[in-house]
N, C-alpha and C. Protein backbone atom coordinates (compact mmCIF):
# COMPACT_ATOMS: atom_id res chain seq x y z
N UNK A 1 -32.17 56.17 86.15
CA UNK A 1 -33.31 55.31 86.35
C UNK A 1 -33.21 54.15 85.36
N UNK A 2 -33.72 53.03 85.80
CA UNK A 2 -33.73 51.87 84.92
C UNK A 2 -35.17 51.51 84.60
N UNK A 3 -35.34 50.88 83.47
CA UNK A 3 -36.67 50.49 83.05
C UNK A 3 -37.03 49.14 83.64
N UNK A 4 -38.25 49.02 84.13
CA UNK A 4 -38.75 47.77 84.68
C UNK A 4 -39.34 46.96 83.53
N UNK A 5 -39.00 45.68 83.39
CA UNK A 5 -39.52 44.91 82.27
C UNK A 5 -41.04 44.82 82.32
N UNK A 6 -41.66 44.97 81.17
CA UNK A 6 -43.11 44.94 81.09
C UNK A 6 -43.53 43.69 80.34
N UNK A 7 -44.12 42.74 81.05
CA UNK A 7 -44.60 41.53 80.43
C UNK A 7 -46.08 41.62 80.13
N UNK A 8 -46.80 42.36 80.95
CA UNK A 8 -48.25 42.50 80.83
C UNK A 8 -48.61 43.97 80.87
N UNK A 9 -49.67 44.36 80.16
CA UNK A 9 -50.11 45.76 80.26
C UNK A 9 -50.71 46.02 81.64
N UNK A 10 -50.80 47.30 81.98
CA UNK A 10 -51.47 47.66 83.24
C UNK A 10 -52.86 47.06 83.18
N UNK A 11 -53.28 46.47 84.26
CA UNK A 11 -54.58 45.86 84.30
C UNK A 11 -54.50 44.34 84.25
N UNK A 12 -53.36 43.81 83.80
CA UNK A 12 -53.20 42.37 83.80
C UNK A 12 -52.89 41.95 85.23
N UNK A 13 -53.36 40.82 85.61
CA UNK A 13 -53.11 40.37 86.97
C UNK A 13 -52.20 39.16 86.96
N UNK A 14 -51.32 39.12 87.92
CA UNK A 14 -50.38 38.00 88.03
C UNK A 14 -49.38 38.01 86.89
N UNK A 15 -48.42 37.12 86.98
CA UNK A 15 -47.47 36.99 85.90
C UNK A 15 -46.68 35.72 86.11
N UNK A 16 -45.71 35.53 85.28
CA UNK A 16 -44.90 34.32 85.38
C UNK A 16 -43.61 34.57 86.14
N UNK A 17 -43.47 35.69 86.79
CA UNK A 17 -42.25 36.07 87.50
C UNK A 17 -42.47 36.10 88.99
N UNK A 18 -42.74 34.98 89.59
CA UNK A 18 -42.88 34.91 91.03
C UNK A 18 -44.12 35.56 91.58
N UNK A 19 -45.18 35.66 90.78
CA UNK A 19 -46.43 36.21 91.27
C UNK A 19 -46.49 37.72 91.31
N UNK A 20 -45.46 38.41 90.87
CA UNK A 20 -45.47 39.87 90.88
C UNK A 20 -46.15 40.40 89.64
N UNK A 21 -46.96 41.39 89.84
CA UNK A 21 -47.65 42.03 88.74
C UNK A 21 -46.66 42.93 88.00
N UNK A 22 -46.66 42.87 86.69
CA UNK A 22 -45.78 43.72 85.90
C UNK A 22 -46.53 44.99 85.51
N UNK A 23 -46.01 46.13 85.89
CA UNK A 23 -46.60 47.41 85.55
C UNK A 23 -45.59 48.22 84.76
N UNK A 24 -46.05 49.10 83.87
CA UNK A 24 -45.13 49.85 83.01
C UNK A 24 -44.54 51.08 83.67
N UNK A 25 -44.06 50.93 84.88
CA UNK A 25 -43.44 52.04 85.58
C UNK A 25 -41.93 51.86 85.62
N UNK A 26 -41.24 52.96 85.54
CA UNK A 26 -39.80 52.95 85.66
C UNK A 26 -39.44 52.72 87.13
N UNK A 27 -38.41 51.94 87.38
CA UNK A 27 -37.91 51.75 88.74
C UNK A 27 -36.88 52.83 89.00
N UNK A 28 -37.16 53.65 90.00
CA UNK A 28 -36.29 54.78 90.35
C UNK A 28 -35.49 54.45 91.61
N UNK A 29 -34.44 55.21 91.84
CA UNK A 29 -33.64 55.02 93.05
C UNK A 29 -34.53 55.16 94.29
N UNK A 30 -35.36 56.19 94.33
CA UNK A 30 -36.34 56.38 95.41
C UNK A 30 -37.71 56.45 94.76
N UNK A 31 -38.57 55.51 95.11
CA UNK A 31 -39.91 55.51 94.52
C UNK A 31 -40.87 54.80 95.45
N UNK A 32 -42.08 54.60 94.96
CA UNK A 32 -43.10 53.93 95.77
C UNK A 32 -42.81 52.45 95.87
N UNK A 33 -43.13 51.90 97.02
CA UNK A 33 -42.97 50.47 97.30
C UNK A 33 -43.69 49.67 96.20
N UNK A 34 -42.96 48.81 95.50
CA UNK A 34 -43.49 48.11 94.35
C UNK A 34 -44.62 47.15 94.72
N UNK A 35 -44.46 46.41 95.80
CA UNK A 35 -45.51 45.46 96.20
C UNK A 35 -46.80 46.19 96.58
N UNK A 36 -46.66 47.30 97.26
CA UNK A 36 -47.83 48.07 97.66
C UNK A 36 -48.56 48.63 96.43
N UNK A 37 -47.80 49.15 95.47
CA UNK A 37 -48.39 49.67 94.24
C UNK A 37 -49.08 48.55 93.46
N UNK A 38 -48.40 47.41 93.36
CA UNK A 38 -48.96 46.28 92.62
C UNK A 38 -50.27 45.79 93.25
N UNK A 39 -50.31 45.74 94.56
CA UNK A 39 -51.50 45.32 95.27
C UNK A 39 -52.66 46.30 95.03
N UNK A 40 -52.36 47.58 95.12
CA UNK A 40 -53.38 48.61 94.91
C UNK A 40 -53.94 48.54 93.50
N UNK A 41 -53.05 48.43 92.50
CA UNK A 41 -53.50 48.40 91.11
C UNK A 41 -54.22 47.10 90.76
N UNK A 42 -53.86 46.00 91.41
CA UNK A 42 -54.58 44.74 91.17
C UNK A 42 -56.04 44.89 91.64
N UNK A 43 -56.23 45.50 92.80
CA UNK A 43 -57.58 45.72 93.31
C UNK A 43 -58.37 46.64 92.40
N UNK A 44 -57.78 47.74 92.02
CA UNK A 44 -58.46 48.74 91.20
C UNK A 44 -58.76 48.19 89.81
N UNK A 45 -57.79 47.56 89.19
CA UNK A 45 -58.01 47.04 87.85
C UNK A 45 -59.01 45.89 87.85
N UNK A 46 -59.06 45.13 88.94
CA UNK A 46 -60.08 44.10 89.07
C UNK A 46 -61.46 44.71 89.12
N UNK A 47 -61.59 45.81 89.85
CA UNK A 47 -62.88 46.51 89.95
C UNK A 47 -63.29 47.10 88.60
N UNK A 48 -62.32 47.62 87.86
CA UNK A 48 -62.63 48.18 86.55
C UNK A 48 -63.11 47.11 85.57
N UNK A 49 -62.73 45.88 85.81
CA UNK A 49 -63.13 44.78 84.92
C UNK A 49 -64.54 44.27 85.24
N UNK A 50 -65.16 44.80 86.27
CA UNK A 50 -66.51 44.36 86.65
C UNK A 50 -67.51 45.48 86.42
N UNK A 51 -68.76 45.13 86.53
CA UNK A 51 -69.84 46.12 86.45
C UNK A 51 -70.36 46.48 87.83
N UNK A 52 -69.67 46.05 88.87
CA UNK A 52 -70.13 46.25 90.24
C UNK A 52 -69.86 47.69 90.71
N UNK A 53 -70.93 48.41 90.95
CA UNK A 53 -70.79 49.78 91.46
C UNK A 53 -70.16 49.78 92.85
N UNK A 54 -70.46 48.78 93.64
CA UNK A 54 -69.91 48.69 94.99
C UNK A 54 -68.40 48.47 94.93
N UNK A 55 -67.96 47.55 94.07
CA UNK A 55 -66.54 47.27 93.91
C UNK A 55 -65.79 48.50 93.40
N UNK A 56 -66.37 49.19 92.45
CA UNK A 56 -65.75 50.40 91.90
C UNK A 56 -65.66 51.50 92.96
N UNK A 57 -66.70 51.66 93.75
CA UNK A 57 -66.68 52.67 94.81
C UNK A 57 -65.62 52.36 95.86
N UNK A 58 -65.52 51.09 96.21
CA UNK A 58 -64.50 50.69 97.19
C UNK A 58 -63.11 50.93 96.65
N UNK A 59 -62.90 50.66 95.39
CA UNK A 59 -61.58 50.89 94.79
C UNK A 59 -61.27 52.37 94.67
N UNK A 60 -62.29 53.16 94.35
CA UNK A 60 -62.10 54.61 94.29
C UNK A 60 -61.69 55.14 95.65
N UNK A 61 -62.35 54.65 96.70
CA UNK A 61 -61.99 55.05 98.08
C UNK A 61 -60.58 54.61 98.43
N UNK A 62 -60.20 53.40 98.00
CA UNK A 62 -58.85 52.89 98.27
C UNK A 62 -57.79 53.75 97.59
N UNK A 63 -58.08 54.18 96.36
CA UNK A 63 -57.12 55.04 95.66
C UNK A 63 -56.97 56.39 96.37
N UNK A 64 -58.08 56.95 96.76
CA UNK A 64 -58.05 58.26 97.42
C UNK A 64 -57.35 58.20 98.77
N UNK A 65 -57.48 57.07 99.46
CA UNK A 65 -56.92 56.92 100.80
C UNK A 65 -55.50 56.34 100.79
N UNK A 66 -55.02 55.96 99.62
CA UNK A 66 -53.71 55.28 99.53
C UNK A 66 -52.61 56.18 100.07
N UNK A 67 -51.80 55.59 100.93
CA UNK A 67 -50.62 56.25 101.48
C UNK A 67 -49.45 55.35 101.15
N UNK A 68 -48.88 55.56 99.98
CA UNK A 68 -47.83 54.68 99.48
C UNK A 68 -46.47 55.02 100.11
N UNK A 69 -45.80 53.97 100.60
CA UNK A 69 -44.47 54.15 101.19
C UNK A 69 -43.44 54.36 100.09
N UNK A 70 -42.43 55.16 100.41
CA UNK A 70 -41.30 55.34 99.49
C UNK A 70 -40.18 54.41 99.93
N UNK A 71 -39.54 53.82 98.95
CA UNK A 71 -38.47 52.85 99.19
C UNK A 71 -37.32 53.10 98.21
N UNK A 72 -36.18 52.54 98.56
CA UNK A 72 -35.09 52.48 97.59
C UNK A 72 -35.54 51.52 96.50
N UNK A 73 -35.25 51.87 95.27
CA UNK A 73 -35.65 51.05 94.12
C UNK A 73 -37.15 50.77 94.13
N UNK A 74 -37.91 51.82 93.93
CA UNK A 74 -39.36 51.71 93.86
C UNK A 74 -39.87 52.28 92.55
N UNK A 75 -41.17 52.17 92.34
CA UNK A 75 -41.76 52.71 91.12
C UNK A 75 -41.72 54.24 91.14
N UNK A 76 -41.44 54.82 89.97
CA UNK A 76 -41.36 56.28 89.81
C UNK A 76 -42.63 56.95 90.33
N UNK A 77 -42.44 57.90 91.24
CA UNK A 77 -43.55 58.55 91.93
C UNK A 77 -44.47 59.28 90.94
N UNK A 78 -43.91 60.04 90.02
CA UNK A 78 -44.74 60.80 89.08
C UNK A 78 -45.58 59.87 88.20
N UNK A 79 -44.98 58.78 87.75
CA UNK A 79 -45.72 57.85 86.89
C UNK A 79 -46.86 57.18 87.65
N UNK A 80 -46.59 56.77 88.87
CA UNK A 80 -47.64 56.12 89.66
C UNK A 80 -48.75 57.11 89.99
N UNK A 81 -48.39 58.33 90.38
CA UNK A 81 -49.40 59.34 90.68
C UNK A 81 -50.28 59.62 89.46
N UNK A 82 -49.68 59.69 88.27
CA UNK A 82 -50.44 59.91 87.04
C UNK A 82 -51.38 58.73 86.76
N UNK A 83 -50.92 57.51 87.01
CA UNK A 83 -51.74 56.33 86.79
C UNK A 83 -52.89 56.28 87.79
N UNK A 84 -52.66 56.72 89.01
CA UNK A 84 -53.74 56.79 90.01
C UNK A 84 -54.80 57.78 89.55
N UNK A 85 -54.38 58.95 89.07
CA UNK A 85 -55.33 59.94 88.58
C UNK A 85 -56.14 59.38 87.40
N UNK A 86 -55.48 58.65 86.53
CA UNK A 86 -56.14 58.03 85.39
C UNK A 86 -57.20 57.03 85.84
N UNK A 87 -56.84 56.20 86.82
CA UNK A 87 -57.78 55.19 87.34
C UNK A 87 -58.97 55.87 88.02
N UNK A 88 -58.72 56.95 88.76
CA UNK A 88 -59.83 57.67 89.41
C UNK A 88 -60.82 58.19 88.38
N UNK A 89 -60.31 58.70 87.27
CA UNK A 89 -61.21 59.19 86.20
C UNK A 89 -62.00 58.02 85.60
N UNK A 90 -61.36 56.87 85.46
CA UNK A 90 -62.02 55.69 84.87
C UNK A 90 -63.09 55.11 85.77
N UNK A 91 -62.89 55.24 87.08
CA UNK A 91 -63.85 54.68 88.03
C UNK A 91 -65.06 55.59 88.15
């Protein structure tokens, strides 16, 4: 496995690398689709940054309903699953 460069901590939105969100997940040979994970975490972390109960509830539902595709060269499944559990507890 190779390490994915981390420019921003989890929760940061956007970056200077072509609009892709940088997350501290290892890129594995077979892992979750990076764009899909980035999109999901952008929504959830945006909700965590607000005081909106509605936004938090919608993000909690999105996390619970997430069906992440597996791809070649994707984010490590165990790390992403652990981060999802962490976000659910925070919401």
